[in-house]
N, C-alpha and C. Protein backbone atom coordinates (compact mmCIF):
# COMPACT_ATOMS: atom_id res chain seq x y z
N MET A 1 115.68 -44.72 80.83
CA MET A 1 114.44 -45.45 81.01
C MET A 1 113.26 -44.60 80.54
N ALA A 2 112.37 -45.20 79.78
CA ALA A 2 111.22 -44.47 79.25
C ALA A 2 110.26 -44.11 80.38
N ARG A 3 109.67 -42.94 80.26
CA ARG A 3 108.69 -42.52 81.27
C ARG A 3 107.39 -43.27 81.08
N THR A 4 106.70 -43.50 82.20
CA THR A 4 105.40 -44.16 82.12
C THR A 4 104.35 -43.14 81.67
N GLN A 5 103.19 -43.67 81.28
CA GLN A 5 102.09 -42.80 80.87
C GLN A 5 101.68 -41.88 82.03
N GLN A 6 101.69 -42.43 83.25
CA GLN A 6 101.33 -41.63 84.42
C GLN A 6 102.33 -40.50 84.63
N GLU A 7 103.61 -40.79 84.48
CA GLU A 7 104.64 -39.76 84.64
C GLU A 7 104.49 -38.66 83.58
N ARG A 8 104.18 -39.07 82.34
CA ARG A 8 103.99 -38.08 81.28
C ARG A 8 102.77 -37.21 81.58
N ARG A 9 101.71 -37.84 82.08
CA ARG A 9 100.50 -37.09 82.43
C ARG A 9 100.80 -36.08 83.53
N GLU A 10 101.50 -36.53 84.58
CA GLU A 10 101.81 -35.64 85.71
C GLU A 10 102.67 -34.46 85.25
N GLU A 11 103.63 -34.74 84.35
CA GLU A 11 104.48 -33.67 83.83
C GLU A 11 103.66 -32.65 83.02
N THR A 12 102.75 -33.14 82.21
CA THR A 12 101.91 -32.25 81.40
C THR A 12 101.01 -31.40 82.29
N VAL A 13 100.38 -32.04 83.28
CA VAL A 13 99.51 -31.30 84.19
C VAL A 13 100.31 -30.24 84.95
N ALA A 14 101.50 -30.59 85.39
CA ALA A 14 102.35 -29.62 86.11
C ALA A 14 102.69 -28.43 85.21
N ARG A 15 102.99 -28.71 83.94
CA ARG A 15 103.29 -27.61 83.00
C ARG A 15 102.07 -26.72 82.79
N LEU A 16 100.90 -27.34 82.68
CA LEU A 16 99.67 -26.57 82.51
C LEU A 16 99.39 -25.70 83.74
N LEU A 17 99.57 -26.25 84.92
CA LEU A 17 99.31 -25.48 86.14
C LEU A 17 100.32 -24.34 86.30
N ASP A 18 101.59 -24.61 86.01
CA ASP A 18 102.60 -23.55 86.04
C ASP A 18 102.22 -22.43 85.07
N ALA A 19 101.80 -22.81 83.87
CA ALA A 19 101.44 -21.83 82.85
C ALA A 19 100.19 -21.06 83.24
N SER A 20 99.24 -21.75 83.86
CA SER A 20 98.01 -21.08 84.30
C SER A 20 98.31 -20.02 85.35
N ILE A 21 99.10 -20.40 86.34
CA ILE A 21 99.46 -19.46 87.41
C ILE A 21 100.21 -18.26 86.83
N ALA A 22 101.22 -18.52 86.01
CA ALA A 22 102.01 -17.43 85.42
C ALA A 22 101.15 -16.53 84.54
N THR A 23 100.22 -17.12 83.79
CA THR A 23 99.37 -16.33 82.90
C THR A 23 98.44 -15.43 83.69
N ILE A 24 97.82 -15.98 84.74
CA ILE A 24 96.91 -15.17 85.55
C ILE A 24 97.66 -14.05 86.26
N VAL A 25 98.87 -14.34 86.74
CA VAL A 25 99.69 -13.29 87.37
C VAL A 25 99.98 -12.18 86.36
N ASP A 26 100.31 -12.56 85.12
CA ASP A 26 100.73 -11.58 84.11
C ASP A 26 99.58 -10.81 83.47
N VAL A 27 98.49 -11.51 83.12
CA VAL A 27 97.44 -10.85 82.34
C VAL A 27 96.05 -10.91 82.98
N GLY A 28 95.93 -11.59 84.12
CA GLY A 28 94.64 -11.66 84.80
C GLY A 28 93.80 -12.84 84.36
N TYR A 29 92.84 -13.18 85.19
CA TYR A 29 91.97 -14.34 84.93
C TYR A 29 91.17 -14.16 83.65
N ALA A 30 90.66 -12.96 83.40
CA ALA A 30 89.77 -12.73 82.26
C ALA A 30 90.45 -13.06 80.92
N ARG A 31 91.78 -12.90 80.86
CA ARG A 31 92.49 -13.16 79.61
C ARG A 31 93.26 -14.47 79.61
N ALA A 32 93.02 -15.27 80.66
CA ALA A 32 93.74 -16.55 80.77
C ALA A 32 92.92 -17.66 80.11
N SER A 33 92.85 -17.63 78.79
CA SER A 33 92.09 -18.63 78.05
C SER A 33 92.90 -19.92 77.94
N ALA A 34 92.20 -21.00 77.58
CA ALA A 34 92.88 -22.28 77.38
C ALA A 34 93.96 -22.16 76.32
N ALA A 35 93.69 -21.41 75.25
CA ALA A 35 94.66 -21.27 74.17
C ALA A 35 95.92 -20.55 74.65
N VAL A 36 95.74 -19.50 75.43
CA VAL A 36 96.88 -18.73 75.94
C VAL A 36 97.71 -19.60 76.89
N ILE A 37 97.03 -20.33 77.75
CA ILE A 37 97.72 -21.15 78.75
C ILE A 37 98.48 -22.30 78.09
N THR A 38 97.84 -22.99 77.16
CA THR A 38 98.54 -24.12 76.52
C THR A 38 99.72 -23.65 75.68
N LYS A 39 99.56 -22.50 75.04
CA LYS A 39 100.70 -21.95 74.27
C LYS A 39 101.86 -21.63 75.20
N ARG A 40 101.55 -21.04 76.35
CA ARG A 40 102.61 -20.70 77.30
C ARG A 40 103.29 -21.96 77.83
N ALA A 41 102.50 -23.02 77.96
CA ALA A 41 103.05 -24.29 78.46
C ALA A 41 103.82 -25.05 77.38
N GLY A 42 103.75 -24.56 76.11
CA GLY A 42 104.42 -25.24 75.02
C GLY A 42 103.73 -26.52 74.62
N LEU A 43 102.39 -26.53 74.77
CA LEU A 43 101.61 -27.72 74.46
C LEU A 43 100.60 -27.43 73.37
N SER A 44 100.04 -28.48 72.80
CA SER A 44 99.03 -28.30 71.76
C SER A 44 97.75 -27.72 72.36
N GLY A 45 96.94 -27.12 71.52
CA GLY A 45 95.74 -26.44 71.98
C GLY A 45 94.77 -27.32 72.73
N GLY A 46 94.69 -28.60 72.38
CA GLY A 46 93.74 -29.49 73.04
C GLY A 46 94.30 -30.19 74.27
N ALA A 47 95.53 -29.92 74.64
CA ALA A 47 96.18 -30.64 75.75
C ALA A 47 95.43 -30.46 77.06
N LEU A 48 94.95 -29.25 77.30
CA LEU A 48 94.28 -28.97 78.57
C LEU A 48 93.06 -29.87 78.75
N PHE A 49 92.24 -30.00 77.69
CA PHE A 49 90.99 -30.74 77.82
C PHE A 49 91.18 -32.26 77.68
N ARG A 50 92.40 -32.68 77.45
CA ARG A 50 92.68 -34.12 77.55
C ARG A 50 92.85 -34.54 79.01
N HIS A 51 93.11 -33.55 79.87
CA HIS A 51 93.35 -33.85 81.28
C HIS A 51 92.28 -33.28 82.21
N PHE A 52 91.51 -32.31 81.74
CA PHE A 52 90.44 -31.69 82.54
C PHE A 52 89.18 -31.61 81.70
N ASP A 53 88.05 -32.01 82.29
CA ASP A 53 86.79 -32.03 81.54
C ASP A 53 86.33 -30.64 81.15
N THR A 54 86.52 -29.67 82.06
CA THR A 54 86.05 -28.30 81.80
C THR A 54 87.10 -27.30 82.27
N MET A 55 86.94 -26.06 81.83
CA MET A 55 87.83 -25.00 82.29
C MET A 55 87.66 -24.78 83.79
N GLY A 56 86.42 -24.98 84.28
CA GLY A 56 86.18 -24.85 85.72
C GLY A 56 86.98 -25.86 86.52
N ASP A 57 87.03 -27.10 86.04
CA ASP A 57 87.83 -28.13 86.71
C ASP A 57 89.31 -27.73 86.72
N PHE A 58 89.75 -27.17 85.60
CA PHE A 58 91.15 -26.77 85.51
C PHE A 58 91.45 -25.61 86.45
N MET A 59 90.52 -24.64 86.56
CA MET A 59 90.74 -23.52 87.46
C MET A 59 90.71 -23.97 88.92
N ALA A 60 89.89 -24.99 89.22
CA ALA A 60 89.90 -25.55 90.58
C ALA A 60 91.26 -26.16 90.87
N ALA A 61 91.82 -26.87 89.89
CA ALA A 61 93.16 -27.45 90.05
C ALA A 61 94.21 -26.36 90.20
N THR A 62 94.04 -25.26 89.45
CA THR A 62 94.96 -24.12 89.57
C THR A 62 94.90 -23.55 90.98
N ALA A 63 93.68 -23.36 91.50
CA ALA A 63 93.50 -22.81 92.84
C ALA A 63 94.12 -23.74 93.89
N ARG A 64 93.92 -25.04 93.73
CA ARG A 64 94.51 -25.99 94.69
C ARG A 64 96.03 -25.94 94.66
N GLU A 65 96.60 -25.78 93.47
CA GLU A 65 98.06 -25.70 93.37
C GLU A 65 98.57 -24.42 94.01
N VAL A 66 97.85 -23.32 93.83
CA VAL A 66 98.24 -22.06 94.49
C VAL A 66 98.20 -22.25 96.01
N MET A 67 97.13 -22.86 96.51
CA MET A 67 97.02 -23.08 97.95
C MET A 67 98.15 -23.96 98.46
N ARG A 68 98.45 -25.02 97.73
CA ARG A 68 99.54 -25.91 98.14
C ARG A 68 100.85 -25.15 98.25
N ARG A 69 101.15 -24.35 97.23
CA ARG A 69 102.40 -23.59 97.23
C ARG A 69 102.43 -22.57 98.36
N GLN A 70 101.31 -21.90 98.59
CA GLN A 70 101.26 -20.88 99.63
C GLN A 70 101.40 -21.50 101.02
N LEU A 71 100.74 -22.61 101.26
CA LEU A 71 100.86 -23.27 102.56
C LEU A 71 102.28 -23.80 102.77
N ASP A 72 102.89 -24.33 101.71
CA ASP A 72 104.28 -24.79 101.82
C ASP A 72 105.21 -23.63 102.14
N LEU A 73 105.01 -22.51 101.44
CA LEU A 73 105.84 -21.33 101.68
C LEU A 73 105.67 -20.82 103.10
N PHE A 74 104.41 -20.77 103.56
CA PHE A 74 104.15 -20.31 104.93
C PHE A 74 104.85 -21.23 105.93
N GLY A 75 104.75 -22.54 105.71
CA GLY A 75 105.42 -23.48 106.62
C GLY A 75 106.92 -23.26 106.66
N LYS A 76 107.54 -22.99 105.51
CA LYS A 76 108.98 -22.73 105.47
C LYS A 76 109.33 -21.45 106.23
N LYS A 77 108.51 -20.43 106.05
CA LYS A 77 108.78 -19.16 106.72
C LYS A 77 108.63 -19.31 108.24
N ILE A 78 107.64 -20.10 108.68
CA ILE A 78 107.47 -20.34 110.11
C ILE A 78 108.69 -21.08 110.66
N ALA A 79 109.17 -22.06 109.92
CA ALA A 79 110.35 -22.82 110.36
C ALA A 79 111.60 -21.95 110.45
N GLU A 80 111.62 -20.84 109.68
CA GLU A 80 112.79 -19.97 109.65
C GLU A 80 112.72 -18.83 110.67
N ILE A 81 111.67 -18.76 111.48
CA ILE A 81 111.57 -17.69 112.48
C ILE A 81 112.73 -17.84 113.47
N PRO A 82 113.54 -16.80 113.63
CA PRO A 82 114.66 -16.90 114.57
C PRO A 82 114.17 -17.17 115.99
N THR A 83 114.92 -17.96 116.73
CA THR A 83 114.49 -18.30 118.10
C THR A 83 114.43 -17.06 118.99
N ALA A 84 115.21 -16.03 118.65
CA ALA A 84 115.20 -14.81 119.47
C ALA A 84 113.99 -13.92 119.18
N GLN A 85 113.28 -14.18 118.07
CA GLN A 85 112.13 -13.34 117.71
C GLN A 85 110.86 -13.90 118.37
N PRO A 86 110.04 -13.01 118.95
CA PRO A 86 108.78 -13.49 119.51
C PRO A 86 107.96 -14.21 118.44
N ALA A 87 107.35 -15.34 118.82
CA ALA A 87 106.65 -16.19 117.86
C ALA A 87 105.56 -15.44 117.11
N LEU A 88 104.76 -14.67 117.83
CA LEU A 88 103.65 -13.97 117.18
C LEU A 88 104.17 -12.99 116.14
N GLU A 89 105.22 -12.27 116.45
CA GLU A 89 105.80 -11.32 115.49
C GLU A 89 106.29 -12.05 114.24
N GLY A 90 106.94 -13.18 114.43
CA GLY A 90 107.42 -13.96 113.30
C GLY A 90 106.28 -14.47 112.43
N VAL A 91 105.20 -14.91 113.05
CA VAL A 91 104.03 -15.40 112.31
C VAL A 91 103.41 -14.26 111.49
N LEU A 92 103.29 -13.07 112.08
CA LEU A 92 102.70 -11.94 111.37
C LEU A 92 103.55 -11.54 110.16
N HIS A 93 104.85 -11.53 110.32
CA HIS A 93 105.72 -11.21 109.18
C HIS A 93 105.60 -12.28 108.09
N ALA A 94 105.49 -13.54 108.49
CA ALA A 94 105.33 -14.62 107.52
C ALA A 94 104.02 -14.47 106.76
N MET A 95 102.94 -14.15 107.48
CA MET A 95 101.64 -13.97 106.83
C MET A 95 101.67 -12.81 105.84
N ARG A 96 102.29 -11.71 106.25
CA ARG A 96 102.38 -10.55 105.35
C ARG A 96 103.15 -10.90 104.09
N ASP A 97 104.27 -11.59 104.25
CA ASP A 97 105.09 -11.93 103.09
C ASP A 97 104.38 -12.90 102.15
N VAL A 98 103.68 -13.87 102.70
CA VAL A 98 103.00 -14.86 101.88
C VAL A 98 101.82 -14.24 101.12
N THR A 99 101.08 -13.35 101.76
CA THR A 99 99.95 -12.73 101.07
C THR A 99 100.42 -11.77 99.98
N ARG A 100 101.61 -11.23 100.10
CA ARG A 100 102.14 -10.33 99.07
C ARG A 100 102.81 -11.07 97.92
N ASN A 101 102.96 -12.37 98.07
CA ASN A 101 103.57 -13.19 97.03
C ASN A 101 102.76 -13.08 95.75
N ASP A 102 103.44 -12.98 94.62
CA ASP A 102 102.74 -12.89 93.33
C ASP A 102 101.76 -14.03 93.10
N ILE A 103 102.12 -15.22 93.57
CA ILE A 103 101.25 -16.38 93.35
C ILE A 103 99.89 -16.17 94.01
N ASN A 104 99.86 -15.47 95.14
CA ASN A 104 98.59 -15.26 95.84
C ASN A 104 97.64 -14.39 95.03
N VAL A 105 98.18 -13.60 94.10
CA VAL A 105 97.36 -12.79 93.21
C VAL A 105 96.38 -13.66 92.44
N VAL A 106 96.78 -14.89 92.13
CA VAL A 106 95.91 -15.80 91.39
C VAL A 106 94.62 -16.05 92.18
N MET A 107 94.74 -16.26 93.49
CA MET A 107 93.54 -16.48 94.30
C MET A 107 92.65 -15.25 94.30
N TYR A 108 93.25 -14.07 94.39
CA TYR A 108 92.44 -12.84 94.36
C TYR A 108 91.68 -12.73 93.04
N GLU A 109 92.38 -13.00 91.95
CA GLU A 109 91.75 -12.93 90.62
C GLU A 109 90.57 -13.90 90.53
N LEU A 110 90.78 -15.12 90.99
CA LEU A 110 89.72 -16.12 90.91
C LEU A 110 88.54 -15.76 91.81
N LEU A 111 88.81 -15.26 93.00
CA LEU A 111 87.73 -14.90 93.92
C LEU A 111 86.90 -13.74 93.41
N ILE A 112 87.55 -12.75 92.85
CA ILE A 112 86.81 -11.60 92.30
C ILE A 112 85.96 -12.05 91.12
N ALA A 113 86.52 -12.87 90.25
CA ALA A 113 85.76 -13.37 89.09
C ALA A 113 84.58 -14.22 89.53
N ALA A 114 84.75 -14.98 90.63
CA ALA A 114 83.69 -15.87 91.10
C ALA A 114 82.47 -15.12 91.62
N ARG A 115 82.63 -13.85 91.95
CA ARG A 115 81.48 -13.08 92.44
C ARG A 115 80.37 -13.04 91.41
N THR A 116 80.73 -12.95 90.14
CA THR A 116 79.72 -12.84 89.08
C THR A 116 79.70 -14.06 88.14
N ASP A 117 80.52 -15.05 88.42
CA ASP A 117 80.58 -16.26 87.60
C ASP A 117 80.11 -17.43 88.46
N GLU A 118 78.84 -17.83 88.26
CA GLU A 118 78.23 -18.83 89.14
C GLU A 118 78.97 -20.17 89.10
N LYS A 119 79.40 -20.60 87.92
CA LYS A 119 80.12 -21.87 87.81
C LYS A 119 81.44 -21.82 88.57
N LEU A 120 82.18 -20.74 88.36
CA LEU A 120 83.46 -20.59 89.06
C LEU A 120 83.23 -20.51 90.57
N ARG A 121 82.17 -19.82 90.97
CA ARG A 121 81.87 -19.69 92.40
C ARG A 121 81.64 -21.07 93.02
N GLY A 122 80.83 -21.89 92.34
CA GLY A 122 80.58 -23.24 92.85
C GLY A 122 81.86 -24.06 92.94
N THR A 123 82.70 -23.93 91.94
CA THR A 123 83.97 -24.66 91.91
C THR A 123 84.87 -24.23 93.06
N LEU A 124 84.96 -22.92 93.29
CA LEU A 124 85.88 -22.40 94.31
C LEU A 124 85.37 -22.62 95.72
N GLN A 125 84.07 -22.75 95.90
CA GLN A 125 83.55 -22.94 97.26
C GLN A 125 84.16 -24.17 97.91
N GLU A 126 84.20 -25.27 97.17
CA GLU A 126 84.78 -26.50 97.73
C GLU A 126 86.27 -26.33 97.97
N VAL A 127 86.95 -25.68 97.04
CA VAL A 127 88.39 -25.47 97.18
C VAL A 127 88.68 -24.60 98.42
N LEU A 128 87.88 -23.55 98.60
CA LEU A 128 88.10 -22.65 99.73
C LEU A 128 87.78 -23.30 101.07
N LYS A 129 86.79 -24.17 101.10
CA LYS A 129 86.50 -24.90 102.34
C LYS A 129 87.73 -25.71 102.75
N GLU A 130 88.32 -26.37 101.77
CA GLU A 130 89.53 -27.16 102.02
C GLU A 130 90.68 -26.26 102.48
N TYR A 131 90.86 -25.12 101.80
CA TYR A 131 91.93 -24.17 102.13
C TYR A 131 91.75 -23.62 103.54
N SER A 132 90.52 -23.19 103.85
CA SER A 132 90.25 -22.64 105.18
C SER A 132 90.52 -23.66 106.26
N SER A 133 90.10 -24.90 106.02
CA SER A 133 90.34 -25.96 106.99
C SER A 133 91.83 -26.17 107.22
N ARG A 134 92.60 -26.13 106.14
CA ARG A 134 94.05 -26.32 106.27
C ARG A 134 94.71 -25.13 106.97
N ILE A 135 94.20 -23.91 106.70
CA ILE A 135 94.74 -22.73 107.39
C ILE A 135 94.48 -22.84 108.89
N PHE A 136 93.25 -23.22 109.26
CA PHE A 136 92.91 -23.32 110.68
C PHE A 136 93.70 -24.44 111.35
N ASP A 137 93.88 -25.56 110.65
CA ASP A 137 94.70 -26.65 111.20
C ASP A 137 96.13 -26.17 111.43
N THR A 138 96.66 -25.43 110.44
CA THR A 138 98.02 -24.89 110.57
C THR A 138 98.10 -23.90 111.73
N ALA A 139 97.08 -23.05 111.87
CA ALA A 139 97.08 -22.05 112.95
C ALA A 139 97.18 -22.71 114.32
N HIS A 140 96.54 -23.86 114.48
CA HIS A 140 96.57 -24.54 115.78
C HIS A 140 97.93 -25.15 116.10
N THR A 141 98.81 -25.26 115.10
CA THR A 141 100.13 -25.82 115.34
C THR A 141 101.20 -24.73 115.55
N LEU A 142 100.81 -23.47 115.39
CA LEU A 142 101.79 -22.39 115.50
C LEU A 142 102.30 -22.26 116.94
N PRO A 143 103.52 -21.71 117.09
CA PRO A 143 104.17 -21.70 118.41
C PRO A 143 103.35 -21.05 119.52
N MET A 144 102.54 -20.03 119.20
CA MET A 144 101.85 -19.30 120.26
C MET A 144 100.37 -19.65 120.37
N ALA A 145 99.91 -20.65 119.62
CA ALA A 145 98.48 -20.97 119.56
C ALA A 145 97.91 -21.32 120.92
N ASP A 146 98.71 -22.00 121.75
CA ASP A 146 98.19 -22.43 123.05
C ASP A 146 98.03 -21.29 124.05
N GLN A 147 98.41 -20.09 123.66
CA GLN A 147 98.27 -18.94 124.55
C GLN A 147 96.90 -18.26 124.44
N TYR A 148 96.06 -18.77 123.53
CA TYR A 148 94.73 -18.16 123.32
C TYR A 148 93.65 -19.12 123.76
N PRO A 149 92.47 -18.57 124.12
CA PRO A 149 91.36 -19.44 124.55
C PRO A 149 90.91 -20.37 123.45
N ASP A 150 90.30 -21.49 123.86
CA ASP A 150 89.74 -22.44 122.89
C ASP A 150 88.76 -21.71 121.98
N GLY A 151 88.83 -22.01 120.70
CA GLY A 151 87.91 -21.40 119.74
C GLY A 151 88.38 -20.07 119.18
N ALA A 152 89.36 -19.44 119.84
CA ALA A 152 89.81 -18.12 119.39
C ALA A 152 90.82 -18.22 118.25
N VAL A 153 91.55 -19.31 118.17
CA VAL A 153 92.64 -19.42 117.19
C VAL A 153 92.11 -19.31 115.76
N ALA A 154 91.01 -20.00 115.46
CA ALA A 154 90.45 -19.95 114.11
C ALA A 154 89.98 -18.53 113.77
N ALA A 155 89.35 -17.87 114.74
CA ALA A 155 88.88 -16.50 114.50
C ALA A 155 90.05 -15.54 114.29
N ILE A 156 91.11 -15.72 115.06
CA ILE A 156 92.30 -14.87 114.90
C ILE A 156 92.94 -15.12 113.54
N ALA A 157 93.04 -16.39 113.14
CA ALA A 157 93.62 -16.72 111.84
C ALA A 157 92.83 -16.08 110.71
N ALA A 158 91.50 -16.13 110.81
CA ALA A 158 90.66 -15.53 109.77
C ALA A 158 90.82 -14.01 109.76
N LEU A 159 90.86 -13.40 110.94
CA LEU A 159 91.03 -11.94 111.05
C LEU A 159 92.35 -11.50 110.41
N LEU A 160 93.42 -12.21 110.72
CA LEU A 160 94.73 -11.84 110.19
C LEU A 160 94.82 -12.08 108.69
N THR A 161 94.30 -13.22 108.25
CA THR A 161 94.33 -13.53 106.82
C THR A 161 93.57 -12.46 106.03
N ASN A 162 92.39 -12.10 106.51
CA ASN A 162 91.59 -11.07 105.82
C ASN A 162 92.30 -9.72 105.82
N SER A 163 92.93 -9.39 106.93
CA SER A 163 93.63 -8.10 107.03
C SER A 163 94.79 -8.04 106.03
N PHE A 164 95.61 -9.08 106.01
CA PHE A 164 96.77 -9.08 105.11
C PHE A 164 96.35 -9.23 103.65
N ASP A 165 95.31 -10.04 103.39
CA ASP A 165 94.83 -10.17 102.01
C ASP A 165 94.31 -8.83 101.49
N GLY A 166 93.52 -8.15 102.30
CA GLY A 166 92.99 -6.84 101.88
C GLY A 166 94.11 -5.86 101.60
N ALA A 167 95.10 -5.83 102.48
CA ALA A 167 96.24 -4.93 102.29
C ALA A 167 97.01 -5.27 101.01
N ALA A 168 97.15 -6.57 100.73
CA ALA A 168 97.90 -6.99 99.54
C ALA A 168 97.18 -6.57 98.26
N ILE A 169 95.85 -6.67 98.26
CA ILE A 169 95.07 -6.27 97.07
C ILE A 169 95.22 -4.77 96.83
N ILE A 170 95.08 -3.98 97.87
CA ILE A 170 95.18 -2.52 97.74
C ILE A 170 96.59 -2.11 97.36
N HIS A 171 97.59 -2.85 97.87
CA HIS A 171 99.00 -2.50 97.64
C HIS A 171 99.33 -2.42 96.15
N HIS A 172 98.67 -3.27 95.32
CA HIS A 172 98.96 -3.28 93.89
C HIS A 172 98.47 -2.01 93.20
N VAL A 173 97.49 -1.34 93.81
CA VAL A 173 96.93 -0.14 93.20
C VAL A 173 97.41 1.12 93.92
N LEU A 174 97.43 1.07 95.25
CA LEU A 174 97.80 2.25 96.03
C LEU A 174 98.69 1.82 97.20
N PRO A 175 99.99 1.75 96.98
CA PRO A 175 100.88 1.43 98.09
C PRO A 175 100.76 2.49 99.19
N GLN A 176 100.70 2.03 100.43
CA GLN A 176 100.57 2.95 101.57
C GLN A 176 101.62 2.58 102.62
N PRO A 177 102.89 2.88 102.34
CA PRO A 177 103.96 2.43 103.25
C PRO A 177 103.81 2.96 104.67
N GLU A 178 103.23 4.15 104.82
CA GLU A 178 103.08 4.71 106.17
C GLU A 178 102.09 3.90 107.00
N ILE A 179 101.07 3.33 106.35
CA ILE A 179 100.12 2.46 107.05
C ILE A 179 100.72 1.09 107.27
N GLU A 180 101.38 0.58 106.24
CA GLU A 180 101.97 -0.75 106.34
C GLU A 180 103.02 -0.83 107.45
N ALA A 181 103.75 0.26 107.63
CA ALA A 181 104.79 0.26 108.67
C ALA A 181 104.20 0.05 110.06
N GLY A 182 102.97 0.49 110.24
CA GLY A 182 102.35 0.36 111.56
C GLY A 182 101.44 -0.84 111.72
N ARG A 183 101.21 -1.60 110.63
CA ARG A 183 100.22 -2.70 110.71
C ARG A 183 100.64 -3.79 111.70
N ILE A 184 101.86 -4.30 111.55
CA ILE A 184 102.28 -5.40 112.42
C ILE A 184 102.43 -4.95 113.87
N PRO A 185 103.04 -3.78 114.16
CA PRO A 185 103.08 -3.34 115.55
C PRO A 185 101.68 -3.20 116.18
N LEU A 186 100.71 -2.69 115.39
CA LEU A 186 99.35 -2.56 115.92
C LEU A 186 98.75 -3.94 116.20
N LEU A 187 98.91 -4.86 115.24
CA LEU A 187 98.37 -6.21 115.45
C LEU A 187 99.03 -6.89 116.65
N LEU A 188 100.31 -6.66 116.84
CA LEU A 188 101.00 -7.23 118.00
C LEU A 188 100.41 -6.71 119.30
N SER A 189 100.14 -5.40 119.34
CA SER A 189 99.58 -4.81 120.56
C SER A 189 98.17 -5.32 120.84
N LEU A 190 97.42 -5.59 119.77
CA LEU A 190 96.05 -6.07 119.94
C LEU A 190 95.98 -7.56 120.29
N LEU A 191 96.94 -8.33 119.78
CA LEU A 191 96.86 -9.78 119.91
C LEU A 191 97.79 -10.39 120.94
N ALA A 192 98.76 -9.61 121.42
CA ALA A 192 99.71 -10.19 122.36
C ALA A 192 98.97 -10.68 123.60
N PRO A 193 99.11 -11.95 123.94
CA PRO A 193 98.45 -12.46 125.14
C PRO A 193 99.00 -11.75 126.37
N GLY A 194 98.14 -11.50 127.29
CA GLY A 194 98.55 -10.82 128.52
C GLY A 194 97.43 -10.87 129.54
N GLU A 195 97.66 -10.26 130.63
CA GLU A 195 96.63 -10.25 131.66
C GLU A 195 95.51 -9.33 131.24
N SER A 196 94.29 -9.78 131.40
CA SER A 196 93.15 -8.93 131.08
C SER A 196 92.99 -7.88 132.14
N SER A 197 92.53 -6.70 131.73
CA SER A 197 92.38 -5.60 132.68
C SER A 197 91.21 -5.90 133.62
N ASN A 198 91.34 -5.51 134.87
CA ASN A 198 90.31 -5.73 135.87
C ASN A 198 90.23 -4.49 136.72
N ASP A 199 89.06 -3.88 136.71
CA ASP A 199 88.90 -2.62 137.46
C ASP A 199 88.47 -2.85 138.90
N ASP A 200 88.29 -4.13 139.33
CA ASP A 200 87.85 -4.39 140.71
C ASP A 200 88.93 -4.02 141.71
């Protein structure tokens, strides 16, 4: 059966997004031109702009695809936490693994570039608002979320995400296994719900 025009469009866009992610992982955002990406996708040079009005629109789509994949991966890792493992420990290991994923490098590349690229910054702001909202929604569904006070879950999710993201960025330049070995145990000791100390 012949594919519909919509199916062909979806296949082309998927190839472009796959190629964009792989290109940014391999050579960085600065060298991920439309020509390089379309060549990697095995498409003609003008294919990208038949589906996206601007490179900014395409990079927003790339960022959304990275977020979708990362959230899906995180959900799978959460589902695989052994029942014998404390929930918080399992969540921390999942977060560490997801932030170290090569695909997450694409978000780092885009965020760093957006600091000095006003158009990219505007494009990513909306994407990041959506991503943050989905992260916070996901955090509220985690096994141990109900053990923290109202309003604390979003702050904890942001704290952990920033900690693991920062470590992942540094890891590519200066691996620090002695620090990494202690990161999750330290976070567990700081975040494990328990009785608050009372000197009365």
